[in-house]
Amino acid sequence: MKKWDVVRIYCGFLKQPHDKYCICICPERRWFYFINSEPPQFRKARALAISIENYEAVFLNRVSYVDTTKVEKNLDTDSIDQAITDQDRHCGAIMPTIRERIRGAVGQHNVLTEEELSLIMDM
């Protein structure tokens, strides 16, 4: 798994546990952005979210959203390991245009830590 790769990870901690499409931000730290089927609930996060059209990512079947204000850092290690070793859970890297939209949104807010910001903005 490399930075900007998308992998499906089972998230048992969710209210309704299911697989989530996750964009890898840092493979070493195992930090991710979730790809969500709905925009973020809170106004500021919603304004700073990016949308991904289904034609921009072949694994999506509808418009989806990335909340650029929240990096997922505490996913279950076993679930990540299982997703990494199962090639059927690998979806490939996101398009450069999506990466740039994420970076553009992240550059507009001061929500992330300096470390998170640095990892996302670094090529």
N, C-alpha and C. Protein backbone atom coordinates (compact mmCIF):
# COMPACT_ATOMS: atom_id res chain seq x y z
N MET A 1 0.85 -1.17 0.00
CA MET A 1 0.00 0.00 0.00
C MET A 1 0.89 1.23 0.00
N LYS A 2 0.51 2.20 -0.84
CA LYS A 2 1.26 3.44 -0.95
C LYS A 2 0.35 4.63 -0.63
N LYS A 3 0.99 5.76 -0.40
CA LYS A 3 0.22 6.98 -0.19
C LYS A 3 -0.68 7.21 -1.39
N TRP A 4 -1.92 7.60 -1.12
CA TRP A 4 -2.99 7.91 -2.08
C TRP A 4 -3.66 6.66 -2.64
N ASP A 5 -3.24 5.47 -2.21
CA ASP A 5 -3.97 4.25 -2.60
C ASP A 5 -5.28 4.19 -1.84
N VAL A 6 -6.27 3.57 -2.46
CA VAL A 6 -7.57 3.35 -1.81
C VAL A 6 -7.71 1.87 -1.53
N VAL A 7 -8.11 1.57 -0.31
CA VAL A 7 -8.31 0.19 0.11
C VAL A 7 -9.61 0.12 0.91
N ARG A 8 -10.31 -1.01 0.77
CA ARG A 8 -11.55 -1.22 1.53
C ARG A 8 -11.20 -1.87 2.86
N ILE A 9 -11.51 -1.19 3.96
CA ILE A 9 -11.19 -1.67 5.30
C ILE A 9 -12.49 -1.85 6.07
N TYR A 10 -12.62 -3.01 6.71
CA TYR A 10 -13.79 -3.25 7.55
C TYR A 10 -13.67 -2.40 8.82
N CYS A 11 -14.72 -1.64 9.12
CA CYS A 11 -14.74 -0.75 10.29
C CYS A 11 -15.84 -1.21 11.24
N GLY A 12 -15.47 -2.09 12.15
CA GLY A 12 -16.42 -2.66 13.09
C GLY A 12 -16.88 -1.71 14.17
N PHE A 13 -16.20 -0.58 14.32
CA PHE A 13 -16.55 0.38 15.36
C PHE A 13 -17.69 1.31 14.95
N LEU A 14 -18.06 1.30 13.68
CA LEU A 14 -19.13 2.19 13.21
C LEU A 14 -20.47 1.74 13.78
N LYS A 15 -21.40 2.69 13.84
CA LYS A 15 -22.75 2.39 14.34
C LYS A 15 -23.35 1.20 13.58
N GLN A 16 -23.17 1.21 12.28
CA GLN A 16 -23.54 0.08 11.44
C GLN A 16 -22.24 -0.41 10.79
N PRO A 17 -21.56 -1.38 11.39
CA PRO A 17 -20.25 -1.84 10.88
C PRO A 17 -20.32 -2.25 9.41
N HIS A 18 -19.33 -1.80 8.65
CA HIS A 18 -19.25 -2.14 7.24
C HIS A 18 -17.87 -1.79 6.70
N ASP A 19 -17.61 -2.19 5.46
CA ASP A 19 -16.37 -1.82 4.78
C ASP A 19 -16.44 -0.35 4.40
N LYS A 20 -15.29 0.33 4.53
CA LYS A 20 -15.17 1.73 4.12
C LYS A 20 -14.06 1.82 3.08
N TYR A 21 -14.27 2.64 2.07
CA TYR A 21 -13.18 2.98 1.18
C TYR A 21 -12.32 4.00 1.92
N CYS A 22 -11.03 3.72 1.98
CA CYS A 22 -10.10 4.56 2.74
C CYS A 22 -8.94 4.98 1.85
N ILE A 23 -8.64 6.28 1.85
CA ILE A 23 -7.50 6.81 1.10
C ILE A 23 -6.32 6.83 2.05
N CYS A 24 -5.25 6.15 1.67
CA CYS A 24 -4.06 6.11 2.53
C CYS A 24 -3.33 7.46 2.46
N ILE A 25 -3.15 8.07 3.61
CA ILE A 25 -2.41 9.32 3.72
C ILE A 25 -0.96 9.04 4.12
N CYS A 26 -0.78 8.04 4.98
CA CYS A 26 0.56 7.66 5.42
C CYS A 26 0.59 6.16 5.70
N PRO A 27 1.24 5.38 4.82
CA PRO A 27 1.26 3.93 5.03
C PRO A 27 2.02 3.52 6.29
N GLU A 28 3.06 4.23 6.63
CA GLU A 28 3.83 3.88 7.82
C GLU A 28 3.02 4.06 9.10
N ARG A 29 2.31 5.16 9.21
CA ARG A 29 1.49 5.43 10.40
C ARG A 29 0.10 4.83 10.30
N ARG A 30 -0.25 4.41 9.08
CA ARG A 30 -1.57 3.86 8.81
C ARG A 30 -2.68 4.89 9.08
N TRP A 31 -2.49 6.05 8.48
CA TRP A 31 -3.48 7.13 8.56
C TRP A 31 -4.24 7.18 7.25
N PHE A 32 -5.54 7.46 7.37
CA PHE A 32 -6.42 7.42 6.21
C PHE A 32 -7.43 8.57 6.24
N TYR A 33 -7.98 8.84 5.07
CA TYR A 33 -9.21 9.61 4.93
C TYR A 33 -10.28 8.61 4.54
N PHE A 34 -11.46 8.74 5.13
CA PHE A 34 -12.61 7.93 4.70
C PHE A 34 -13.23 8.56 3.46
N ILE A 35 -13.72 7.72 2.57
CA ILE A 35 -14.60 8.16 1.49
C ILE A 35 -16.00 7.80 1.94
N ASN A 36 -16.85 8.81 2.05
CA ASN A 36 -18.21 8.64 2.60
C ASN A 36 -19.27 8.84 1.53
N SER A 37 -20.38 8.15 1.70
CA SER A 37 -21.48 8.29 0.75
C SER A 37 -22.30 9.56 0.99
N GLU A 38 -22.15 10.15 2.15
CA GLU A 38 -22.86 11.40 2.48
C GLU A 38 -21.84 12.47 2.86
N PRO A 39 -22.16 13.74 2.61
CA PRO A 39 -21.25 14.81 3.04
C PRO A 39 -21.21 14.89 4.57
N PRO A 40 -20.16 15.48 5.11
CA PRO A 40 -20.08 15.62 6.57
C PRO A 40 -21.29 16.35 7.14
N GLN A 41 -21.59 16.04 8.37
CA GLN A 41 -22.78 16.59 9.02
C GLN A 41 -22.59 18.04 9.45
N PHE A 42 -21.41 18.38 9.93
CA PHE A 42 -21.19 19.71 10.49
C PHE A 42 -20.83 20.72 9.41
N ARG A 43 -21.31 21.94 9.60
CA ARG A 43 -21.22 22.98 8.58
C ARG A 43 -19.80 23.23 8.08
N LYS A 44 -18.85 23.42 9.00
CA LYS A 44 -17.47 23.72 8.58
C LYS A 44 -16.87 22.54 7.82
N ALA A 45 -17.05 21.34 8.33
CA ALA A 45 -16.52 20.15 7.65
C ALA A 45 -17.17 19.98 6.29
N ARG A 46 -18.46 20.25 6.21
CA ARG A 46 -19.18 20.13 4.94
C ARG A 46 -18.63 21.11 3.91
N ALA A 47 -18.33 22.32 4.35
CA ALA A 47 -17.80 23.33 3.44
C ALA A 47 -16.39 22.97 2.94
N LEU A 48 -15.65 22.20 3.74
CA LEU A 48 -14.27 21.85 3.40
C LEU A 48 -14.13 20.45 2.84
N ALA A 49 -15.24 19.76 2.67
CA ALA A 49 -15.22 18.41 2.08
C ALA A 49 -15.05 18.52 0.57
N ILE A 50 -14.50 17.48 -0.01
CA ILE A 50 -14.45 17.43 -1.48
C ILE A 50 -15.37 16.30 -1.94
N SER A 51 -15.92 16.47 -3.10
CA SER A 51 -16.76 15.41 -3.66
C SER A 51 -15.95 14.64 -4.71
N ILE A 52 -16.28 13.38 -4.84
CA ILE A 52 -15.68 12.53 -5.86
C ILE A 52 -16.82 11.94 -6.67
N GLU A 53 -16.85 12.26 -7.93
CA GLU A 53 -17.88 11.71 -8.82
C GLU A 53 -17.57 10.25 -9.10
N ASN A 54 -18.60 9.46 -9.37
CA ASN A 54 -18.36 8.03 -9.60
C ASN A 54 -17.52 7.78 -10.85
N TYR A 55 -17.52 8.68 -11.82
CA TYR A 55 -16.68 8.49 -13.00
C TYR A 55 -15.22 8.82 -12.74
N GLU A 56 -14.93 9.44 -11.59
CA GLU A 56 -13.54 9.73 -11.22
C GLU A 56 -12.88 8.57 -10.47
N ALA A 57 -13.68 7.66 -9.98
CA ALA A 57 -13.18 6.52 -9.23
C ALA A 57 -14.07 5.32 -9.58
N VAL A 58 -13.56 4.40 -10.34
CA VAL A 58 -14.38 3.31 -10.89
C VAL A 58 -14.99 2.42 -9.81
N PHE A 59 -14.43 2.43 -8.61
CA PHE A 59 -14.96 1.59 -7.53
C PHE A 59 -16.18 2.21 -6.86
N LEU A 60 -16.47 3.48 -7.13
CA LEU A 60 -17.64 4.15 -6.54
C LEU A 60 -18.84 4.01 -7.47
N ASN A 61 -20.03 3.89 -6.88
CA ASN A 61 -21.23 3.81 -7.71
C ASN A 61 -22.11 5.05 -7.59
N ARG A 62 -21.63 6.05 -6.85
CA ARG A 62 -22.34 7.33 -6.76
C ARG A 62 -21.37 8.40 -6.25
N VAL A 63 -21.85 9.63 -6.25
CA VAL A 63 -21.03 10.73 -5.73
C VAL A 63 -20.71 10.44 -4.27
N SER A 64 -19.46 10.64 -3.91
CA SER A 64 -19.03 10.40 -2.53
C SER A 64 -18.21 11.59 -2.06
N TYR A 65 -17.85 11.59 -0.76
CA TYR A 65 -17.25 12.77 -0.14
C TYR A 65 -16.08 12.38 0.76
N VAL A 66 -15.11 13.29 0.82
CA VAL A 66 -13.99 13.14 1.73
C VAL A 66 -14.01 14.34 2.67
N ASP A 67 -14.12 14.05 3.97
CA ASP A 67 -14.05 15.10 5.00
C ASP A 67 -12.57 15.40 5.22
N THR A 68 -12.10 16.50 4.67
CA THR A 68 -10.68 16.84 4.74
C THR A 68 -10.24 17.32 6.12
N THR A 69 -11.20 17.46 7.04
CA THR A 69 -10.85 17.95 8.38
C THR A 69 -10.57 16.80 9.36
N LYS A 70 -10.74 15.55 8.93
CA LYS A 70 -10.59 14.43 9.85
C LYS A 70 -9.75 13.31 9.27
N VAL A 71 -8.56 13.13 9.81
CA VAL A 71 -7.69 12.02 9.44
C VAL A 71 -7.97 10.87 10.39
N GLU A 72 -8.23 9.70 9.84
CA GLU A 72 -8.52 8.52 10.65
C GLU A 72 -7.20 7.86 11.03
N LYS A 73 -6.92 7.85 12.33
CA LYS A 73 -5.62 7.36 12.81
C LYS A 73 -5.71 6.09 13.64
N ASN A 74 -6.87 5.70 14.06
CA ASN A 74 -7.00 4.61 15.01
C ASN A 74 -7.82 3.44 14.49
N LEU A 75 -7.65 3.11 13.22
CA LEU A 75 -8.37 1.97 12.68
C LEU A 75 -7.76 0.69 13.24
N ASP A 76 -8.57 -0.34 13.32
CA ASP A 76 -8.15 -1.62 13.86
C ASP A 76 -7.01 -2.21 13.02
N THR A 77 -5.91 -2.52 13.68
CA THR A 77 -4.72 -3.04 13.00
C THR A 77 -5.02 -4.33 12.23
N ASP A 78 -5.78 -5.23 12.83
CA ASP A 78 -6.11 -6.48 12.15
C ASP A 78 -6.93 -6.24 10.89
N SER A 79 -7.85 -5.30 10.95
CA SER A 79 -8.67 -4.97 9.77
C SER A 79 -7.81 -4.37 8.66
N ILE A 80 -6.87 -3.52 9.04
CA ILE A 80 -5.95 -2.94 8.04
C ILE A 80 -5.09 -4.03 7.43
N ASP A 81 -4.52 -4.89 8.27
CA ASP A 81 -3.67 -5.98 7.77
C ASP A 81 -4.44 -6.89 6.81
N GLN A 82 -5.68 -7.21 7.17
CA GLN A 82 -6.50 -8.05 6.32
C GLN A 82 -6.76 -7.38 4.97
N ALA A 83 -7.06 -6.09 5.00
CA ALA A 83 -7.32 -5.35 3.77
C ALA A 83 -6.07 -5.26 2.89
N ILE A 84 -4.93 -5.07 3.52
CA ILE A 84 -3.68 -4.94 2.77
C ILE A 84 -3.32 -6.25 2.07
N THR A 85 -3.55 -7.36 2.74
CA THR A 85 -3.15 -8.65 2.17
C THR A 85 -4.17 -9.22 1.17
N ASP A 86 -5.37 -8.67 1.14
CA ASP A 86 -6.41 -9.14 0.22
C ASP A 86 -6.45 -8.22 -1.00
N GLN A 87 -5.93 -8.70 -2.12
CA GLN A 87 -5.87 -7.87 -3.33
C GLN A 87 -7.25 -7.42 -3.81
N ASP A 88 -8.30 -8.15 -3.47
CA ASP A 88 -9.65 -7.75 -3.86
C ASP A 88 -10.10 -6.48 -3.14
N ARG A 89 -9.41 -6.10 -2.08
CA ARG A 89 -9.75 -4.90 -1.33
C ARG A 89 -8.96 -3.68 -1.80
N HIS A 90 -8.04 -3.88 -2.71
CA HIS A 90 -7.24 -2.78 -3.25
C HIS A 90 -7.97 -2.17 -4.44
N CYS A 91 -8.11 -0.86 -4.44
CA CYS A 91 -8.85 -0.17 -5.50
C CYS A 91 -7.95 0.70 -6.37
N GLY A 92 -6.66 0.72 -6.08
CA GLY A 92 -5.73 1.56 -6.85
C GLY A 92 -5.60 2.94 -6.25
N ALA A 93 -4.80 3.75 -6.88
CA ALA A 93 -4.55 5.12 -6.41
C ALA A 93 -5.63 6.07 -6.91
N ILE A 94 -5.93 7.08 -6.10
CA ILE A 94 -6.88 8.10 -6.56
C ILE A 94 -6.22 8.97 -7.63
N MET A 95 -7.01 9.56 -8.45
CA MET A 95 -6.52 10.39 -9.55
C MET A 95 -5.80 11.62 -9.02
N PRO A 96 -4.80 12.11 -9.75
CA PRO A 96 -4.09 13.33 -9.34
C PRO A 96 -5.02 14.53 -9.13
N THR A 97 -6.09 14.62 -9.90
CA THR A 97 -7.00 15.76 -9.73
C THR A 97 -7.71 15.71 -8.38
N ILE A 98 -8.01 14.50 -7.90
CA ILE A 98 -8.63 14.36 -6.57
C ILE A 98 -7.62 14.71 -5.50
N ARG A 99 -6.39 14.26 -5.66
CA ARG A 99 -5.32 14.61 -4.70
C ARG A 99 -5.19 16.13 -4.58
N GLU A 100 -5.21 16.79 -5.73
CA GLU A 100 -5.07 18.26 -5.71
C GLU A 100 -6.26 18.93 -5.04
N ARG A 101 -7.46 18.39 -5.25
CA ARG A 101 -8.63 18.96 -4.57
C ARG A 101 -8.53 18.77 -3.06
N ILE A 102 -8.03 17.61 -2.64
CA ILE A 102 -7.83 17.38 -1.20
C ILE A 102 -6.81 18.37 -0.67
N ARG A 103 -5.68 18.50 -1.35
CA ARG A 103 -4.65 19.45 -0.90
C ARG A 103 -5.18 20.88 -0.88
N GLY A 104 -5.97 21.23 -1.88
CA GLY A 104 -6.53 22.58 -1.92
C GLY A 104 -7.44 22.85 -0.74
N ALA A 105 -8.28 21.88 -0.40
CA ALA A 105 -9.18 22.05 0.75
C ALA A 105 -8.39 22.11 2.05
N VAL A 106 -7.41 21.21 2.19
CA VAL A 106 -6.59 21.19 3.41
C VAL A 106 -5.83 22.50 3.57
N GLY A 107 -5.39 23.08 2.47
CA GLY A 107 -4.68 24.35 2.52
C GLY A 107 -5.54 25.53 2.93
N GLN A 108 -6.86 25.36 2.90
CA GLN A 108 -7.79 26.44 3.25
C GLN A 108 -8.19 26.45 4.72
N HIS A 109 -7.86 25.40 5.44
CA HIS A 109 -8.29 25.37 6.84
C HIS A 109 -7.12 25.10 7.79
N ASN A 110 -7.32 25.41 9.03
CA ASN A 110 -6.31 25.20 10.06
C ASN A 110 -6.79 24.17 11.07
N VAL A 111 -7.43 23.11 10.58
CA VAL A 111 -8.01 22.12 11.47
C VAL A 111 -7.01 21.02 11.80
N LEU A 112 -6.21 20.62 10.83
CA LEU A 112 -5.28 19.50 11.02
C LEU A 112 -4.04 19.92 11.80
N THR A 113 -3.40 18.93 12.40
CA THR A 113 -2.14 19.20 13.09
C THR A 113 -1.07 19.50 12.03
N GLU A 114 0.04 20.05 12.47
CA GLU A 114 1.14 20.34 11.55
C GLU A 114 1.64 19.05 10.88
N GLU A 115 1.69 17.97 11.65
CA GLU A 115 2.15 16.69 11.12
C GLU A 115 1.19 16.16 10.05
N GLU A 116 -0.11 16.22 10.32
CA GLU A 116 -1.10 15.77 9.34
C GLU A 116 -1.01 16.62 8.07
N LEU A 117 -0.95 17.91 8.27
CA LEU A 117 -0.87 18.84 7.14
C LEU A 117 0.35 18.55 6.28
N SER A 118 1.49 18.36 6.91
CA SER A 118 2.73 18.09 6.21
C SER A 118 2.63 16.81 5.38
N LEU A 119 2.06 15.76 5.97
CA LEU A 119 1.94 14.49 5.24
C LEU A 119 1.03 14.60 4.03
N ILE A 120 -0.04 15.35 4.17
CA ILE A 120 -1.00 15.48 3.06
C ILE A 120 -0.44 16.38 1.95
N MET A 121 0.20 17.46 2.34
CA MET A 121 0.69 18.41 1.34
C MET A 121 1.95 17.91 0.63
N ASP A 122 2.70 17.01 1.26
CA ASP A 122 3.91 16.46 0.66
C ASP A 122 3.50 15.56 -0.51
N MET A 123 4.21 15.67 -1.58
CA MET A 123 3.90 14.87 -2.76
C MET A 123 4.10 13.42 -2.45
